[in-house]
Amino acid sequence: MNDEEERAEKIRDKMERAAQLILFKRHREPGAKSWELKKVLGKKYPEIVDMLDQEIQKIGLTIKKIGEEEEGPTRYYATMKGHPRLSDRTFGWRIDDMASLTIALSYIQAKRGKAPVDEVEELLKEKLPKWRVDRNLNKFTKMGYLSEDDGMLSMDWRAKAEIDKKEMLEGLLEKEVEESEEE
């Protein structure tokens, strides 16, 4: 084996290890933190992650970085590239739970990233019973979509990874414009 082949084999091995760290859940949250990747792959881990991202995009996935602007390590997380097809299942979610999450996230986004818990609860109680609202907010918090701090809700790591905030708001505003034109 010449040096070029050896180098390519080392990179391939590192990409495999990065895929194992990023794609499989080992702790409470899926993905891998930057310090874990650096420890296993070396200081050039961002290059390996970029190469892995190019490979997995071929099968409809992408790697997102979460936590760049916040304190603490960056987390690398694999998610779907683009949107699921309408024919796809709801991935085990009830349709009203999906609607609740959409309402909560859009309200938080409309309030510039943070909204009081009681306001979000009142908004959801207009359409759902109290017990379902409480259950959903707890579920969304445990799943990493929402975080609560001092009575304020904000988007957590998973919402940042899986949801394009700009596109979500554009979609909601587009629906509102269509409805007002119909009247």
C-alpha atoms as a PDB file:
ATOM      1  CA  MET A   1       0.000   0.000   0.000  1.00  0.00           C
ATOM      2  CA  ASN A   2       1.390   3.403  -0.888  1.00  0.00           C
ATOM      3  CA  ASP A   3       1.118   6.548   1.236  1.00  0.00           C
ATOM      4  CA  GLU A   4      -1.895   7.845  -0.690  1.00  0.00           C
ATOM      5  CA  GLU A   5      -3.870   4.639  -0.097  1.00  0.00           C
ATOM      6  CA  GLU A   6      -2.876   4.571   3.591  1.00  0.00           C
ATOM      7  CA  ARG A   7      -4.023   8.154   4.048  1.00  0.00           C
ATOM      8  CA  ALA A   8      -7.350   7.422   2.308  1.00  0.00           C
ATOM      9  CA  GLU A   9      -7.857   4.358   4.530  1.00  0.00           C
ATOM     10  CA  LYS A  10      -7.175   6.395   7.709  1.00  0.00           C
ATOM     11  CA  ILE A  11      -9.685   9.040   6.616  1.00  0.00           C
ATOM     12  CA  ARG A  12     -12.256   6.330   5.843  1.00  0.00           C
ATOM     13  CA  ASP A  13     -11.747   4.816   9.316  1.00  0.00           C
ATOM     14  CA  LYS A  14     -12.171   8.214  10.948  1.00  0.00           C
ATOM     15  CA  MET A  15     -15.354   8.863   8.946  1.00  0.00           C
ATOM     16  CA  GLU A  16     -16.748   5.513  10.107  1.00  0.00           C
ATOM     17  CA  ARG A  17     -15.963   6.354  13.733  1.00  0.00           C
ATOM     18  CA  ALA A  18     -17.502   9.836  13.348  1.00  0.00           C
ATOM     19  CA  ALA A  19     -20.666   8.238  11.898  1.00  0.00           C
ATOM     20  CA  GLN A  20     -20.890   5.905  14.890  1.00  0.00           C
ATOM     21  CA  LEU A  21     -20.556   8.805  17.317  1.00  0.00           C
ATOM     22  CA  ILE A  22     -22.999  11.109  15.539  1.00  0.00           C
ATOM     23  CA  LEU A  23     -25.685   8.673  14.361  1.00  0.00           C
ATOM     24  CA  PHE A  24     -26.092   6.489  17.436  1.00  0.00           C
ATOM     25  CA  LYS A  25     -27.420   7.597  20.805  1.00  0.00           C
ATOM     26  CA  ARG A  26     -25.057   6.857  23.681  1.00  0.00           C
ATOM     27  CA  HIS A  27     -26.232   9.333  26.264  1.00  0.00           C
ATOM     28  CA  ARG A  28     -29.529  11.073  26.886  1.00  0.00           C
ATOM     29  CA  GLU A  29     -29.208  13.130  23.705  1.00  0.00           C
ATOM     30  CA  PRO A  30     -28.220  11.811  20.285  1.00  0.00           C
ATOM     31  CA  GLY A  31     -25.210  13.112  18.424  1.00  0.00           C
ATOM     32  CA  ALA A  32     -21.723  13.881  19.627  1.00  0.00           C
ATOM     33  CA  LYS A  33     -20.132  16.850  21.320  1.00  0.00           C
ATOM     34  CA  SER A  34     -17.146  18.601  19.788  1.00  0.00           C
ATOM     35  CA  TRP A  35     -14.803  17.482  22.568  1.00  0.00           C
ATOM     36  CA  GLU A  36     -15.805  13.822  22.019  1.00  0.00           C
ATOM     37  CA  LEU A  37     -15.071  14.066  18.314  1.00  0.00           C
ATOM     38  CA  LYS A  38     -11.778  15.846  18.942  1.00  0.00           C
ATOM     39  CA  LYS A  39     -10.722  13.165  21.433  1.00  0.00           C
ATOM     40  CA  VAL A  40     -11.492  10.298  19.024  1.00  0.00           C
ATOM     41  CA  LEU A  41     -10.701  11.866  15.630  1.00  0.00           C
ATOM     42  CA  GLY A  42      -8.047  14.449  16.438  1.00  0.00           C
ATOM     43  CA  LYS A  43      -7.924  18.197  16.101  1.00  0.00           C
ATOM     44  CA  LYS A  44      -8.936  18.112  12.412  1.00  0.00           C
ATOM     45  CA  TYR A  45     -12.317  16.564  13.297  1.00  0.00           C
ATOM     46  CA  PRO A  46     -14.346  19.345  11.553  1.00  0.00           C
ATOM     47  CA  GLU A  47     -12.869  18.242   8.211  1.00  0.00           C
ATOM     48  CA  ILE A  48     -13.834  14.617   8.902  1.00  0.00           C
ATOM     49  CA  VAL A  49     -17.364  15.699   9.894  1.00  0.00           C
ATOM     50  CA  ASP A  50     -17.677  17.737   6.668  1.00  0.00           C
ATOM     51  CA  MET A  51     -16.613  14.714   4.587  1.00  0.00           C
ATOM     52  CA  LEU A  52     -19.096  12.520   6.457  1.00  0.00           C
ATOM     53  CA  ASP A  53     -21.818  15.112   5.856  1.00  0.00           C
ATOM     54  CA  GLN A  54     -21.148  15.001   2.104  1.00  0.00           C
ATOM     55  CA  GLU A  55     -21.448  11.204   2.158  1.00  0.00           C
ATOM     56  CA  ILE A  56     -24.666  10.980   4.179  1.00  0.00           C
ATOM     57  CA  GLN A  57     -26.341  13.707   2.112  1.00  0.00           C
ATOM     58  CA  LYS A  58     -26.442  11.113  -0.674  1.00  0.00           C
ATOM     59  CA  ILE A  59     -28.989   9.165   1.401  1.00  0.00           C
ATOM     60  CA  GLY A  60     -31.088  12.142   2.504  1.00  0.00           C
ATOM     61  CA  LEU A  61     -29.431  13.035   5.819  1.00  0.00           C
ATOM     62  CA  THR A  62     -27.329  15.974   6.921  1.00  0.00           C
ATOM     63  CA  ILE A  63     -25.212  16.874   9.933  1.00  0.00           C
ATOM     64  CA  LYS A  64     -26.112  20.025  11.837  1.00  0.00           C
ATOM     65  CA  LYS A  65     -24.042  21.908  14.389  1.00  0.00           C
ATOM     66  CA  ILE A  66     -25.913  23.094  17.453  1.00  0.00           C
ATOM     67  CA  GLY A  67     -24.619  25.410  20.138  1.00  0.00           C
ATOM     68  CA  GLU A  68     -22.155  27.520  18.181  1.00  0.00           C
ATOM     69  CA  GLU A  69     -23.368  30.785  19.724  1.00  0.00           C
ATOM     70  CA  GLU A  70     -23.987  29.430  23.211  1.00  0.00           C
ATOM     71  CA  GLU A  71     -21.657  28.508  26.028  1.00  0.00           C
ATOM     72  CA  GLY A  72     -20.466  24.948  26.178  1.00  0.00           C
ATOM     73  CA  PRO A  73     -19.405  22.538  23.465  1.00  0.00           C
ATOM     74  CA  THR A  74     -20.901  22.337  20.014  1.00  0.00           C
ATOM     75  CA  ARG A  75     -23.062  19.265  19.388  1.00  0.00           C
ATOM     76  CA  TYR A  76     -23.116  17.540  16.016  1.00  0.00           C
ATOM     77  CA  TYR A  77     -26.430  15.904  15.181  1.00  0.00           C
ATOM     78  CA  ALA A  78     -27.716  14.008  12.123  1.00  0.00           C
ATOM     79  CA  THR A  79     -31.148  14.912  10.815  1.00  0.00           C
ATOM     80  CA  MET A  80     -33.194  14.597   7.634  1.00  0.00           C
ATOM     81  CA  LYS A  81     -32.163  16.744   4.727  1.00  0.00           C
ATOM     82  CA  GLY A  82     -35.224  18.612   3.535  1.00  0.00           C
ATOM     83  CA  HIS A  83     -38.775  17.774   4.503  1.00  0.00           C
ATOM     84  CA  PRO A  84     -40.498  14.421   4.886  1.00  0.00           C
ATOM     85  CA  ARG A  85     -42.930  13.583   2.119  1.00  0.00           C
ATOM     86  CA  LEU A  86     -46.624  13.996   2.806  1.00  0.00           C
ATOM     87  CA  SER A  87     -47.031  10.284   2.225  1.00  0.00           C
ATOM     88  CA  ASP A  88     -44.603   9.509   5.067  1.00  0.00           C
ATOM     89  CA  ARG A  89     -46.030   8.503   8.407  1.00  0.00           C
ATOM     90  CA  THR A  90     -46.130  10.895  11.324  1.00  0.00           C
ATOM     91  CA  PHE A  91     -43.169   9.137  12.973  1.00  0.00           C
ATOM     92  CA  GLY A  92     -45.282   8.019  15.925  1.00  0.00           C
ATOM     93  CA  TRP A  93     -46.638  11.483  16.704  1.00  0.00           C
ATOM     94  CA  ARG A  94     -50.296  12.354  17.150  1.00  0.00           C
ATOM     95  CA  ILE A  95     -51.399  15.106  14.787  1.00  0.00           C
ATOM     96  CA  ASP A  96     -52.591  17.306  17.670  1.00  0.00           C
ATOM     97  CA  ASP A  97     -49.193  16.919  19.381  1.00  0.00           C
ATOM     98  CA  MET A  98     -47.492  18.070  16.171  1.00  0.00           C
ATOM     99  CA  ALA A  99     -49.864  21.029  16.037  1.00  0.00           C
ATOM    100  CA  SER A 100     -49.114  21.866  19.682  1.00  0.00           C
ATOM    101  CA  LEU A 101     -45.391  21.872  19.035  1.00  0.00           C
ATOM    102  CA  THR A 102     -45.838  24.045  15.955  1.00  0.00           C
ATOM    103  CA  ILE A 103     -47.991  26.522  17.876  1.00  0.00           C
ATOM    104  CA  ALA A 104     -45.554  26.674  20.799  1.00  0.00           C
ATOM    105  CA  LEU A 105     -42.477  27.099  18.593  1.00  0.00           C
ATOM    106  CA  SER A 106     -44.078  29.700  16.340  1.00  0.00           C
ATOM    107  CA  TYR A 107     -45.301  31.697  19.349  1.00  0.00           C
ATOM    108  CA  ILE A 108     -41.836  31.576  20.927  1.00  0.00           C
ATOM    109  CA  GLN A 109     -40.282  32.658  17.646  1.00  0.00           C
ATOM    110  CA  ALA A 110     -42.792  35.498  17.287  1.00  0.00           C
ATOM    111  CA  LYS A 111     -41.788  36.685  20.775  1.00  0.00           C
ATOM    112  CA  ARG A 112     -38.116  36.908  19.673  1.00  0.00           C
ATOM    113  CA  GLY A 113     -37.014  33.565  21.035  1.00  0.00           C
ATOM    114  CA  LYS A 114     -38.546  33.547  24.534  1.00  0.00           C
ATOM    115  CA  ALA A 115     -42.119  33.438  25.766  1.00  0.00           C
ATOM    116  CA  PRO A 116     -43.656  33.096  29.238  1.00  0.00           C
ATOM    117  CA  VAL A 117     -44.812  29.551  30.005  1.00  0.00           C
ATOM    118  CA  ASP A 118     -48.253  30.723  31.125  1.00  0.00           C
ATOM    119  CA  GLU A 119     -48.853  32.551  27.809  1.00  0.00           C
ATOM    120  CA  VAL A 120     -47.960  29.445  25.796  1.00  0.00           C
ATOM    121  CA  GLU A 121     -50.165  27.311  28.065  1.00  0.00           C
ATOM    122  CA  GLU A 122     -53.130  29.681  27.634  1.00  0.00           C
ATOM    123  CA  LEU A 123     -52.671  29.677  23.881  1.00  0.00           C
ATOM    124  CA  LEU A 124     -52.661  25.872  23.758  1.00  0.00           C
ATOM    125  CA  LYS A 125     -55.605  25.561  26.191  1.00  0.00           C
ATOM    126  CA  GLU A 126     -57.805  27.315  23.612  1.00  0.00           C
ATOM    127  CA  LYS A 127     -57.670  24.126  21.533  1.00  0.00           C
ATOM    128  CA  LEU A 128     -56.641  21.344  23.933  1.00  0.00           C
ATOM    129  CA  PRO A 129     -57.592  20.215  27.443  1.00  0.00           C
ATOM    130  CA  LYS A 130     -55.309  21.327  30.284  1.00  0.00           C
ATOM    131  CA  TRP A 131     -53.982  17.833  30.995  1.00  0.00           C
ATOM    132  CA  ARG A 132     -52.869  17.436  27.363  1.00  0.00           C
ATOM    133  CA  VAL A 133     -51.207  20.859  27.353  1.00  0.00           C
ATOM    134  CA  ASP A 134     -49.229  20.022  30.501  1.00  0.00           C
ATOM    135  CA  ARG A 135     -48.282  16.611  29.155  1.00  0.00           C
ATOM    136  CA  ASN A 136     -47.201  18.029  25.794  1.00  0.00           C
ATOM    137  CA  LEU A 137     -45.042  20.791  27.260  1.00  0.00           C
ATOM    138  CA  ASN A 138     -43.319  18.266  29.538  1.00  0.00           C
ATOM    139  CA  LYS A 139     -42.835  15.889  26.604  1.00  0.00           C
ATOM    140  CA  PHE A 140     -41.413  18.623  24.345  1.00  0.00           C
ATOM    141  CA  THR A 141     -39.026  19.671  27.102  1.00  0.00           C
ATOM    142  CA  LYS A 142     -37.800  16.100  27.685  1.00  0.00           C
ATOM    143  CA  MET A 143     -37.378  15.556  23.944  1.00  0.00           C
ATOM    144  CA  GLY A 144     -35.220  18.682  23.611  1.00  0.00           C
ATOM    145  CA  TYR A 145     -37.571  20.877  21.579  1.00  0.00           C
ATOM    146  CA  LEU A 146     -38.273  23.358  24.395  1.00  0.00           C
ATOM    147  CA  SER A 147     -36.337  24.527  27.417  1.00  0.00           C
ATOM    148  CA  GLU A 148     -37.731  26.332  30.439  1.00  0.00           C
ATOM    149  CA  ASP A 149     -35.752  28.825  32.470  1.00  0.00           C
ATOM    150  CA  ASP A 150     -37.269  31.134  35.107  1.00  0.00           C
ATOM    151  CA  GLY A 151     -40.794  30.747  33.733  1.00  0.00           C
ATOM    152  CA  MET A 152     -39.736  31.426  30.142  1.00  0.00           C
ATOM    153  CA  LEU A 153     -39.830  28.938  27.282  1.00  0.00           C
ATOM    154  CA  SER A 154     -37.301  28.953  24.456  1.00  0.00           C
ATOM    155  CA  MET A 155     -36.252  26.651  21.644  1.00  0.00           C
ATOM    156  CA  ASP A 156     -33.850  23.949  22.768  1.00  0.00           C
ATOM    157  CA  TRP A 157     -31.137  22.071  20.864  1.00  0.00           C
ATOM    158  CA  ARG A 158     -33.433  19.726  18.957  1.00  0.00           C
ATOM    159  CA  ALA A 159     -35.705  22.466  17.635  1.00  0.00           C
ATOM    160  CA  LYS A 160     -32.615  24.356  16.494  1.00  0.00           C
ATOM    161  CA  ALA A 161     -31.330  21.266  14.709  1.00  0.00           C
ATOM    162  CA  GLU A 162     -34.529  20.044  13.067  1.00  0.00           C
ATOM    163  CA  ILE A 163     -36.539  23.177  12.371  1.00  0.00           C
ATOM    164  CA  ASP A 164     -35.701  25.986   9.978  1.00  0.00           C
ATOM    165  CA  LYS A 165     -37.168  28.926  11.909  1.00  0.00           C
ATOM    166  CA  LYS A 166     -37.285  31.256   8.920  1.00  0.00           C
ATOM    167  CA  GLU A 167     -39.067  28.704   6.750  1.00  0.00           C
ATOM    168  CA  MET A 168     -41.528  27.870   9.540  1.00  0.00           C
ATOM    169  CA  LEU A 169     -42.539  31.514   9.952  1.00  0.00           C
ATOM    170  CA  GLU A 170     -42.735  32.044   6.186  1.00  0.00           C
ATOM    171  CA  GLY A 171     -45.047  29.026   5.916  1.00  0.00           C
ATOM    172  CA  LEU A 172     -47.290  30.288   8.694  1.00  0.00           C
ATOM    173  CA  LEU A 173     -47.445  33.794   7.231  1.00  0.00           C
ATOM    174  CA  GLU A 174     -48.167  32.379   3.788  1.00  0.00           C
ATOM    175  CA  LYS A 175     -51.144  30.423   5.163  1.00  0.00           C
ATOM    176  CA  GLU A 176     -52.422  33.565   6.878  1.00  0.00           C
ATOM    177  CA  VAL A 177     -52.202  35.572   3.633  1.00  0.00           C
ATOM    178  CA  GLU A 178     -54.021  32.803   1.702  1.00  0.00           C
ATOM    179  CA  GLU A 179     -56.815  32.707   4.289  1.00  0.00           C
ATOM    180  CA  SER A 180     -57.288  36.491   4.264  1.00  0.00           C
ATOM    181  CA  GLU A 181     -57.445  36.497   0.441  1.00  0.00           C
ATOM    182  CA  GLU A 182     -60.211  33.878   0.512  1.00  0.00           C
ATOM    183  CA  GLU A 183     -62.385  36.092   2.733  1.00  0.00           C
END
